[in-house]
Amino acid sequence: MNMIPQSFRRAHFREERFKTYIRPLIETVIRTRGSCRILDMGGDADYWQFDMPASGVEIWLLNIEAKEQSPNPRFHVLQGDARNVAQFEDLSFDFVHSNSLIEHVGRWDDMKRVAAEIRRLAPSYYVQTPNFWFPLDPHSNAPILHWLPQPVQRRMVSSKARGFYAKATSLDHAMQIVEGTSMLDRAQMAELFPDARVLTENVLFLAKSLIALKAPDS
C-alpha cells in the first residue's frame, strides 16, 4: 500500500518543477524586460505561492469557470476557453503556463487549438502533462487504467471512487470520466509544440510527466 497521500506527491512534483523550470524562466524574463506577464491556463493562485519573485510579476488565471478573485493584486481572474483566447492579441504575454490541462481539453483537434493559442500568445511557455506510457494513471491513482479498453475503464470508475474521480453514478457519468481525459505521449507533445524542448520528469527511471518548454531565448 502506498502510504504517501496523492495530494502530497502532486505538490512535491509541482514544487520541484517550479524551482527547476518556472522560476528560472520568470527570472530570465524579468532581467530582460523588467517585468513578466504570465497567462496560466487552467491554474489557480495557490499554485503560485512557491517562492515567487517579490515584484514584477502579473498572472492571468484562465479557466472555463471563473474562480474567485485573489486578494493579491498580481492575479487577474479570467473566464474563457483555452482553445480560443481571442480577447488577447498575439504576444500579449511574456510566458504561458499550463499544468495538467491539455489532456482534458478534448480530442486531438482540440489539443492542437490549445497548443496554437499557447504559441501565439507568448514567446515562451511551459506545458506539463502526464505521460501516457507511465503505468500509474495519475487521475484515478489506479495502475494501467488508462491503458485498458474503454468498457473496462467504465466498469472500474463505476465500481468505486478512484483518485480524483468520484464513483460514477450512471453510464453517462462514467463516460464523461473516461472521455474527459486523453493522455499524450512524447511524440504527440513534440508534434503539438515543435519549437519547444520536450523534457521528461522521471520516477524510478520511467517518464512520469512530459514538459514542453520554450525559453525566451530559444
C-alpha atoms as a PDB file:
ATOM      1  CA  MET A   1       0.000   0.000   0.000  1.00  0.00           C
ATOM      2  CA  ASN A   2       1.259   3.485  -0.857  1.00  0.00           C
ATOM      3  CA  MET A   3       1.284   5.452   2.418  1.00  0.00           C
ATOM      4  CA  ILE A   4       2.114   8.798   0.798  1.00  0.00           C
ATOM      5  CA  PRO A   5      -1.072  10.785   0.040  1.00  0.00           C
ATOM      6  CA  GLN A   6      -1.646  11.547  -3.639  1.00  0.00           C
ATOM      7  CA  SER A   7      -2.101  15.262  -2.924  1.00  0.00           C
ATOM      8  CA  PHE A   8       1.300  15.382  -1.196  1.00  0.00           C
ATOM      9  CA  ARG A   9       3.015  13.676  -4.121  1.00  0.00           C
ATOM     10  CA  ARG A  10       1.442  16.100  -6.593  1.00  0.00           C
ATOM     11  CA  ALA A  11       2.506  19.098  -4.504  1.00  0.00           C
ATOM     12  CA  HIS A  12       6.065  17.753  -4.271  1.00  0.00           C
ATOM     13  CA  PHE A  13       6.397  17.327  -8.035  1.00  0.00           C
ATOM     14  CA  ARG A  14       4.876  20.742  -8.721  1.00  0.00           C
ATOM     15  CA  GLU A  15       7.254  22.427  -6.297  1.00  0.00           C
ATOM     16  CA  GLU A  16      10.237  20.721  -7.943  1.00  0.00           C
ATOM     17  CA  ARG A  17       9.060  21.769 -11.409  1.00  0.00           C
ATOM     18  CA  PHE A  18       8.621  25.323 -10.197  1.00  0.00           C
ATOM     19  CA  LYS A  19      12.171  25.522  -8.838  1.00  0.00           C
ATOM     20  CA  THR A  20      13.732  23.754 -11.825  1.00  0.00           C
ATOM     21  CA  TYR A  21      11.904  25.306 -14.767  1.00  0.00           C
ATOM     22  CA  ILE A  22       9.396  28.021 -13.966  1.00  0.00           C
ATOM     23  CA  ARG A  23      11.167  30.354 -11.562  1.00  0.00           C
ATOM     24  CA  PRO A  24      14.361  30.471 -13.718  1.00  0.00           C
ATOM     25  CA  LEU A  25      12.238  31.278 -16.765  1.00  0.00           C
ATOM     26  CA  ILE A  26      10.429  34.082 -14.929  1.00  0.00           C
ATOM     27  CA  GLU A  27      13.728  35.487 -13.657  1.00  0.00           C
ATOM     28  CA  THR A  28      15.153  35.469 -17.196  1.00  0.00           C
ATOM     29  CA  VAL A  29      12.167  37.447 -18.480  1.00  0.00           C
ATOM     30  CA  ILE A  30      12.405  39.963 -15.613  1.00  0.00           C
ATOM     31  CA  ARG A  31      16.128  40.500 -16.235  1.00  0.00           C
ATOM     32  CA  THR A  32      15.393  41.182 -19.900  1.00  0.00           C
ATOM     33  CA  ARG A  33      12.141  43.154 -19.715  1.00  0.00           C
ATOM     34  CA  GLY A  34      11.902  44.355 -16.122  1.00  0.00           C
ATOM     35  CA  SER A  35       8.600  42.538 -15.560  1.00  0.00           C
ATOM     36  CA  CYS A  36       6.821  39.322 -16.519  1.00  0.00           C
ATOM     37  CA  ARG A  37       3.218  38.895 -17.700  1.00  0.00           C
ATOM     38  CA  ILE A  38       2.048  35.287 -17.324  1.00  0.00           C
ATOM     39  CA  LEU A  39      -1.061  33.569 -18.647  1.00  0.00           C
ATOM     40  CA  ASP A  40      -1.821  30.449 -16.621  1.00  0.00           C
ATOM     41  CA  MET A  41      -4.279  28.222 -18.474  1.00  0.00           C
ATOM     42  CA  GLY A  42      -6.333  26.189 -16.025  1.00  0.00           C
ATOM     43  CA  GLY A  43      -4.434  27.444 -13.000  1.00  0.00           C
ATOM     44  CA  ASP A  44      -5.162  28.953  -9.612  1.00  0.00           C
ATOM     45  CA  ALA A  45      -3.475  31.431  -7.304  1.00  0.00           C
ATOM     46  CA  ASP A  46      -2.440  28.831  -4.712  1.00  0.00           C
ATOM     47  CA  TYR A  47      -0.093  27.177  -7.195  1.00  0.00           C
ATOM     48  CA  TRP A  48       1.968  30.367  -7.464  1.00  0.00           C
ATOM     49  CA  GLN A  49       2.829  30.570  -3.771  1.00  0.00           C
ATOM     50  CA  PHE A  50       6.110  28.712  -4.378  1.00  0.00           C
ATOM     51  CA  ASP A  51       8.997  31.144  -3.791  1.00  0.00           C
ATOM     52  CA  MET A  52       7.818  33.780  -6.280  1.00  0.00           C
ATOM     53  CA  PRO A  53       9.823  36.922  -7.086  1.00  0.00           C
ATOM     54  CA  ALA A  54       8.642  39.703  -4.777  1.00  0.00           C
ATOM     55  CA  SER A  55       7.669  42.080  -7.577  1.00  0.00           C
ATOM     56  CA  GLY A  56       7.439  42.486 -11.328  1.00  0.00           C
ATOM     57  CA  VAL A  57       5.111  39.531 -11.972  1.00  0.00           C
ATOM     58  CA  GLU A  58       1.450  39.673 -13.030  1.00  0.00           C
ATOM     59  CA  ILE A  59      -0.535  36.484 -13.607  1.00  0.00           C
ATOM     60  CA  TRP A  60      -3.786  35.986 -15.517  1.00  0.00           C
ATOM     61  CA  LEU A  61      -5.656  32.828 -14.434  1.00  0.00           C
ATOM     62  CA  LEU A  62      -7.791  31.456 -17.283  1.00  0.00           C
ATOM     63  CA  ASN A  63     -10.455  28.828 -16.527  1.00  0.00           C
ATOM     64  CA  ILE A  64     -13.695  27.621 -18.104  1.00  0.00           C
ATOM     65  CA  GLU A  65     -15.415  28.513 -14.846  1.00  0.00           C
ATOM     66  CA  ALA A  66     -14.149  31.750 -13.338  1.00  0.00           C
ATOM     67  CA  LYS A  67     -12.554  31.332  -9.934  1.00  0.00           C
ATOM     68  CA  GLU A  68     -12.851  33.702  -7.008  1.00  0.00           C
ATOM     69  CA  GLN A  69     -10.671  36.772  -7.361  1.00  0.00           C
ATOM     70  CA  SER A  70      -7.499  36.608  -5.298  1.00  0.00           C
ATOM     71  CA  PRO A  71      -6.905  39.468  -2.841  1.00  0.00           C
ATOM     72  CA  ASN A  72      -3.354  39.611  -4.189  1.00  0.00           C
ATOM     73  CA  PRO A  73      -3.330  42.326  -6.898  1.00  0.00           C
ATOM     74  CA  ARG A  74      -0.803  40.435  -9.019  1.00  0.00           C
ATOM     75  CA  PHE A  75      -3.566  37.948 -10.006  1.00  0.00           C
ATOM     76  CA  HIS A  76      -6.293  38.566 -12.602  1.00  0.00           C
ATOM     77  CA  VAL A  77      -9.108  36.016 -12.889  1.00  0.00           C
ATOM     78  CA  LEU A  78     -10.471  35.283 -16.374  1.00  0.00           C
ATOM     79  CA  GLN A  79     -13.281  33.079 -17.627  1.00  0.00           C
ATOM     80  CA  GLY A  80     -12.635  31.584 -21.044  1.00  0.00           C
ATOM     81  CA  ASP A  81     -11.714  28.639 -23.226  1.00  0.00           C
ATOM     82  CA  ALA A  82      -8.048  27.761 -23.773  1.00  0.00           C
ATOM     83  CA  ARG A  83      -8.918  26.678 -27.319  1.00  0.00           C
ATOM     84  CA  ASN A  84      -9.812  30.251 -28.252  1.00  0.00           C
ATOM     85  CA  VAL A  85      -8.311  33.117 -26.260  1.00  0.00           C
ATOM     86  CA  ALA A  86      -9.393  35.712 -28.802  1.00  0.00           C
ATOM     87  CA  GLN A  87      -9.620  38.508 -26.231  1.00  0.00           C
ATOM     88  CA  PHE A  88      -5.822  38.780 -26.324  1.00  0.00           C
ATOM     89  CA  GLU A  89      -3.665  39.784 -29.277  1.00  0.00           C
ATOM     90  CA  ASP A  90      -0.563  37.897 -30.381  1.00  0.00           C
ATOM     91  CA  LEU A  91       2.324  38.040 -27.885  1.00  0.00           C
ATOM     92  CA  SER A  92       0.189  39.666 -25.197  1.00  0.00           C
ATOM     93  CA  PHE A  93       2.172  37.785 -22.551  1.00  0.00           C
ATOM     94  CA  ASP A  94       5.799  37.007 -21.815  1.00  0.00           C
ATOM     95  CA  PHE A  95       5.108  33.445 -20.733  1.00  0.00           C
ATOM     96  CA  VAL A  96       2.217  30.966 -20.975  1.00  0.00           C
ATOM     97  CA  HIS A  97       1.957  28.299 -18.286  1.00  0.00           C
ATOM     98  CA  SER A  98      -0.186  25.157 -18.384  1.00  0.00           C
ATOM     99  CA  ASN A  99      -0.092  22.359 -15.839  1.00  0.00           C
ATOM    100  CA  SER A 100      -2.101  19.144 -16.405  1.00  0.00           C
ATOM    101  CA  LEU A 101      -4.614  20.879 -18.665  1.00  0.00           C
ATOM    102  CA  ILE A 102      -4.070  19.837 -22.268  1.00  0.00           C
ATOM    103  CA  GLU A 103      -5.098  16.205 -21.670  1.00  0.00           C
ATOM    104  CA  HIS A 104      -8.535  17.465 -20.550  1.00  0.00           C
ATOM    105  CA  VAL A 105      -9.500  19.843 -23.383  1.00  0.00           C
ATOM    106  CA  GLY A 106     -10.958  17.220 -25.750  1.00  0.00           C
ATOM    107  CA  ARG A 107      -9.677  15.251 -28.710  1.00  0.00           C
ATOM    108  CA  TRP A 108      -6.609  15.839 -30.903  1.00  0.00           C
ATOM    109  CA  ASP A 109      -8.068  18.788 -32.812  1.00  0.00           C
ATOM    110  CA  ASP A 110      -8.911  20.498 -29.512  1.00  0.00           C
ATOM    111  CA  MET A 111      -5.353  19.947 -28.278  1.00  0.00           C
ATOM    112  CA  LYS A 112      -3.978  21.459 -31.488  1.00  0.00           C
ATOM    113  CA  ARG A 113      -6.098  24.558 -30.943  1.00  0.00           C
ATOM    114  CA  VAL A 114      -4.830  24.957 -27.377  1.00  0.00           C
ATOM    115  CA  ALA A 115      -1.224  24.476 -28.495  1.00  0.00           C
ATOM    116  CA  ALA A 116      -1.659  27.061 -31.256  1.00  0.00           C
ATOM    117  CA  GLU A 117      -3.034  29.589 -28.759  1.00  0.00           C
ATOM    118  CA  ILE A 118      -0.157  28.963 -26.350  1.00  0.00           C
ATOM    119  CA  ARG A 119       2.404  29.539 -29.113  1.00  0.00           C
ATOM    120  CA  ARG A 120       0.523  32.615 -30.376  1.00  0.00           C
ATOM    121  CA  LEU A 121       0.186  34.378 -27.046  1.00  0.00           C
ATOM    122  CA  ALA A 122       3.789  34.381 -25.792  1.00  0.00           C
ATOM    123  CA  PRO A 123       7.376  33.848 -26.976  1.00  0.00           C
ATOM    124  CA  SER A 124       7.991  31.339 -24.176  1.00  0.00           C
ATOM    125  CA  TYR A 125       5.902  28.695 -22.487  1.00  0.00           C
ATOM    126  CA  TYR A 126       5.782  25.736 -20.123  1.00  0.00           C
ATOM    127  CA  VAL A 127       3.262  22.954 -20.744  1.00  0.00           C
ATOM    128  CA  GLN A 128       3.185  19.907 -18.452  1.00  0.00           C
ATOM    129  CA  THR A 129       1.070  16.798 -18.952  1.00  0.00           C
ATOM    130  CA  PRO A 130       1.111  13.236 -17.590  1.00  0.00           C
ATOM    131  CA  ASN A 131       2.854  10.695 -19.824  1.00  0.00           C
ATOM    132  CA  PHE A 132       0.559   8.084 -21.380  1.00  0.00           C
ATOM    133  CA  TRP A 133       3.239   5.416 -21.026  1.00  0.00           C
ATOM    134  CA  PHE A 134       3.688   5.811 -17.269  1.00  0.00           C
ATOM    135  CA  PRO A 135       1.911   2.789 -15.736  1.00  0.00           C
ATOM    136  CA  LEU A 136       0.108   4.611 -12.913  1.00  0.00           C
ATOM    137  CA  ASP A 137      -2.881   6.616 -14.045  1.00  0.00           C
ATOM    138  CA  PRO A 138      -2.452   9.992 -12.281  1.00  0.00           C
ATOM    139  CA  HIS A 139      -6.133  10.881 -12.207  1.00  0.00           C
ATOM    140  CA  SER A 140      -7.563   7.637 -10.815  1.00  0.00           C
ATOM    141  CA  ASN A 141      -4.384   6.593  -8.985  1.00  0.00           C
ATOM    142  CA  ALA A 142      -5.014   3.101 -10.434  1.00  0.00           C
ATOM    143  CA  PRO A 143      -2.303   1.096 -12.243  1.00  0.00           C
ATOM    144  CA  ILE A 144      -2.762   0.881 -16.053  1.00  0.00           C
ATOM    145  CA  LEU A 145      -6.392   2.062 -16.003  1.00  0.00           C
ATOM    146  CA  HIS A 146      -5.686   4.463 -18.878  1.00  0.00           C
ATOM    147  CA  TRP A 147      -4.290   1.598 -21.000  1.00  0.00           C
ATOM    148  CA  LEU A 148      -7.418  -0.546 -20.697  1.00  0.00           C
ATOM    149  CA  PRO A 149     -10.282  -0.747 -23.226  1.00  0.00           C
ATOM    150  CA  GLN A 150     -12.979   1.838 -22.674  1.00  0.00           C
ATOM    151  CA  PRO A 151     -15.612  -0.668 -21.430  1.00  0.00           C
ATOM    152  CA  VAL A 152     -13.189  -1.861 -18.740  1.00  0.00           C
ATOM    153  CA  GLN A 153     -12.376   1.708 -17.708  1.00  0.00           C
ATOM    154  CA  ARG A 154     -16.095   2.413 -17.496  1.00  0.00           C
ATOM    155  CA  ARG A 155     -16.638  -0.549 -15.183  1.00  0.00           C
ATOM    156  CA  MET A 156     -13.722   0.445 -12.972  1.00  0.00           C
ATOM    157  CA  VAL A 157     -14.830   4.043 -12.437  1.00  0.00           C
ATOM    158  CA  SER A 158     -18.366   2.792 -11.743  1.00  0.00           C
ATOM    159  CA  SER A 159     -17.246   0.337  -9.057  1.00  0.00           C
ATOM    160  CA  LYS A 160     -15.851   2.870  -6.566  1.00  0.00           C
ATOM    161  CA  ALA A 161     -14.237   6.291  -6.198  1.00  0.00           C
ATOM    162  CA  ARG A 162     -10.700   6.316  -7.575  1.00  0.00           C
ATOM    163  CA  GLY A 163      -8.163   9.084  -7.020  1.00  0.00           C
ATOM    164  CA  PHE A 164      -9.702  12.376  -8.106  1.00  0.00           C
ATOM    165  CA  TYR A 165     -12.743  10.619  -9.594  1.00  0.00           C
ATOM    166  CA  ALA A 166     -15.915  10.197  -7.573  1.00  0.00           C
ATOM    167  CA  LYS A 167     -17.702   6.895  -8.126  1.00  0.00           C
ATOM    168  CA  ALA A 168     -19.669   7.144 -11.376  1.00  0.00           C
ATOM    169  CA  THR A 169     -23.386   7.116 -10.606  1.00  0.00           C
ATOM    170  CA  SER A 170     -24.614   6.369 -14.136  1.00  0.00           C
ATOM    171  CA  LEU A 171     -23.363   5.233 -17.529  1.00  0.00           C
ATOM    172  CA  ASP A 172     -23.369   8.846 -18.696  1.00  0.00           C
ATOM    173  CA  HIS A 173     -21.278   9.885 -15.691  1.00  0.00           C
ATOM    174  CA  ALA A 174     -18.814   7.038 -16.343  1.00  0.00           C
ATOM    175  CA  MET A 175     -18.456   8.036 -19.998  1.00  0.00           C
ATOM    176  CA  GLN A 176     -17.784  11.645 -19.033  1.00  0.00           C
ATOM    177  CA  ILE A 177     -15.000  10.493 -16.710  1.00  0.00           C
ATOM    178  CA  VAL A 178     -13.447   8.115 -19.244  1.00  0.00           C
ATOM    179  CA  GLU A 179     -13.670  10.518 -22.182  1.00  0.00           C
ATOM    180  CA  GLY A 180     -12.691  13.541 -20.102  1.00  0.00           C
ATOM    181  CA  THR A 181      -9.001  12.680 -20.286  1.00  0.00           C
ATOM    182  CA  SER A 182      -6.842  11.917 -23.341  1.00  0.00           C
ATOM    183  CA  MET A 183      -3.273  11.420 -22.195  1.00  0.00           C
ATOM    184  CA  LEU A 184      -0.372  12.148 -24.541  1.00  0.00           C
ATOM    185  CA  ASP A 185       2.965  10.575 -25.361  1.00  0.00           C
ATOM    186  CA  ARG A 186       6.239  12.274 -26.212  1.00  0.00           C
ATOM    187  CA  ALA A 187       5.737  12.168 -29.988  1.00  0.00           C
ATOM    188  CA  GLN A 188       2.370  13.893 -29.667  1.00  0.00           C
ATOM    189  CA  MET A 189       3.817  16.620 -27.440  1.00  0.00           C
ATOM    190  CA  ALA A 190       6.621  17.201 -29.947  1.00  0.00           C
ATOM    191  CA  GLU A 191       4.047  17.493 -32.735  1.00  0.00           C
ATOM    192  CA  LEU A 192       1.955  19.994 -30.769  1.00  0.00           C
ATOM    193  CA  PHE A 193       4.959  22.104 -29.711  1.00  0.00           C
ATOM    194  CA  PRO A 194       7.594  21.820 -32.471  1.00  0.00           C
ATOM    195  CA  ASP A 195       9.564  24.860 -31.281  1.00  0.00           C
ATOM    196  CA  ALA A 196       9.959  23.537 -27.715  1.00  0.00           C
ATOM    197  CA  ARG A 197      12.170  21.030 -25.948  1.00  0.00           C
ATOM    198  CA  VAL A 198      10.129  18.089 -24.694  1.00  0.00           C
ATOM    199  CA  LEU A 199      11.529  17.061 -21.321  1.00  0.00           C
ATOM    200  CA  THR A 200      10.637  14.165 -19.045  1.00  0.00           C
ATOM    201  CA  GLU A 201      10.044  14.059 -15.309  1.00  0.00           C
ATOM    202  CA  ASN A 202      11.180  10.616 -14.187  1.00  0.00           C
ATOM    203  CA  VAL A 203      10.227   8.287 -11.348  1.00  0.00           C
ATOM    204  CA  LEU A 204      12.280   5.089 -10.974  1.00  0.00           C
ATOM    205  CA  PHE A 205      13.713   5.609 -14.474  1.00  0.00           C
ATOM    206  CA  LEU A 206      10.229   5.875 -16.001  1.00  0.00           C
ATOM    207  CA  ALA A 207       8.913   9.078 -17.575  1.00  0.00           C
ATOM    208  CA  LYS A 208       6.030  10.154 -15.327  1.00  0.00           C
ATOM    209  CA  SER A 209       5.334  13.520 -16.958  1.00  0.00           C
ATOM    210  CA  LEU A 210       6.172  15.363 -20.157  1.00  0.00           C
ATOM    211  CA  ILE A 211       7.088  19.049 -20.255  1.00  0.00           C
ATOM    212  CA  ALA A 212       7.177  21.193 -23.400  1.00  0.00           C
ATOM    213  CA  LEU A 213       9.491  24.077 -22.539  1.00  0.00           C
ATOM    214  CA  LYS A 214      10.324  27.048 -24.730  1.00  0.00           C
ATOM    215  CA  ALA A 215      12.676  29.515 -23.098  1.00  0.00           C
ATOM    216  CA  PRO A 216      12.659  33.229 -24.010  1.00  0.00           C
ATOM    217  CA  ASP A 217      15.891  32.978 -25.996  1.00  0.00           C
ATOM    218  CA  SER A 218      15.114  29.723 -27.852  1.00  0.00           C
END
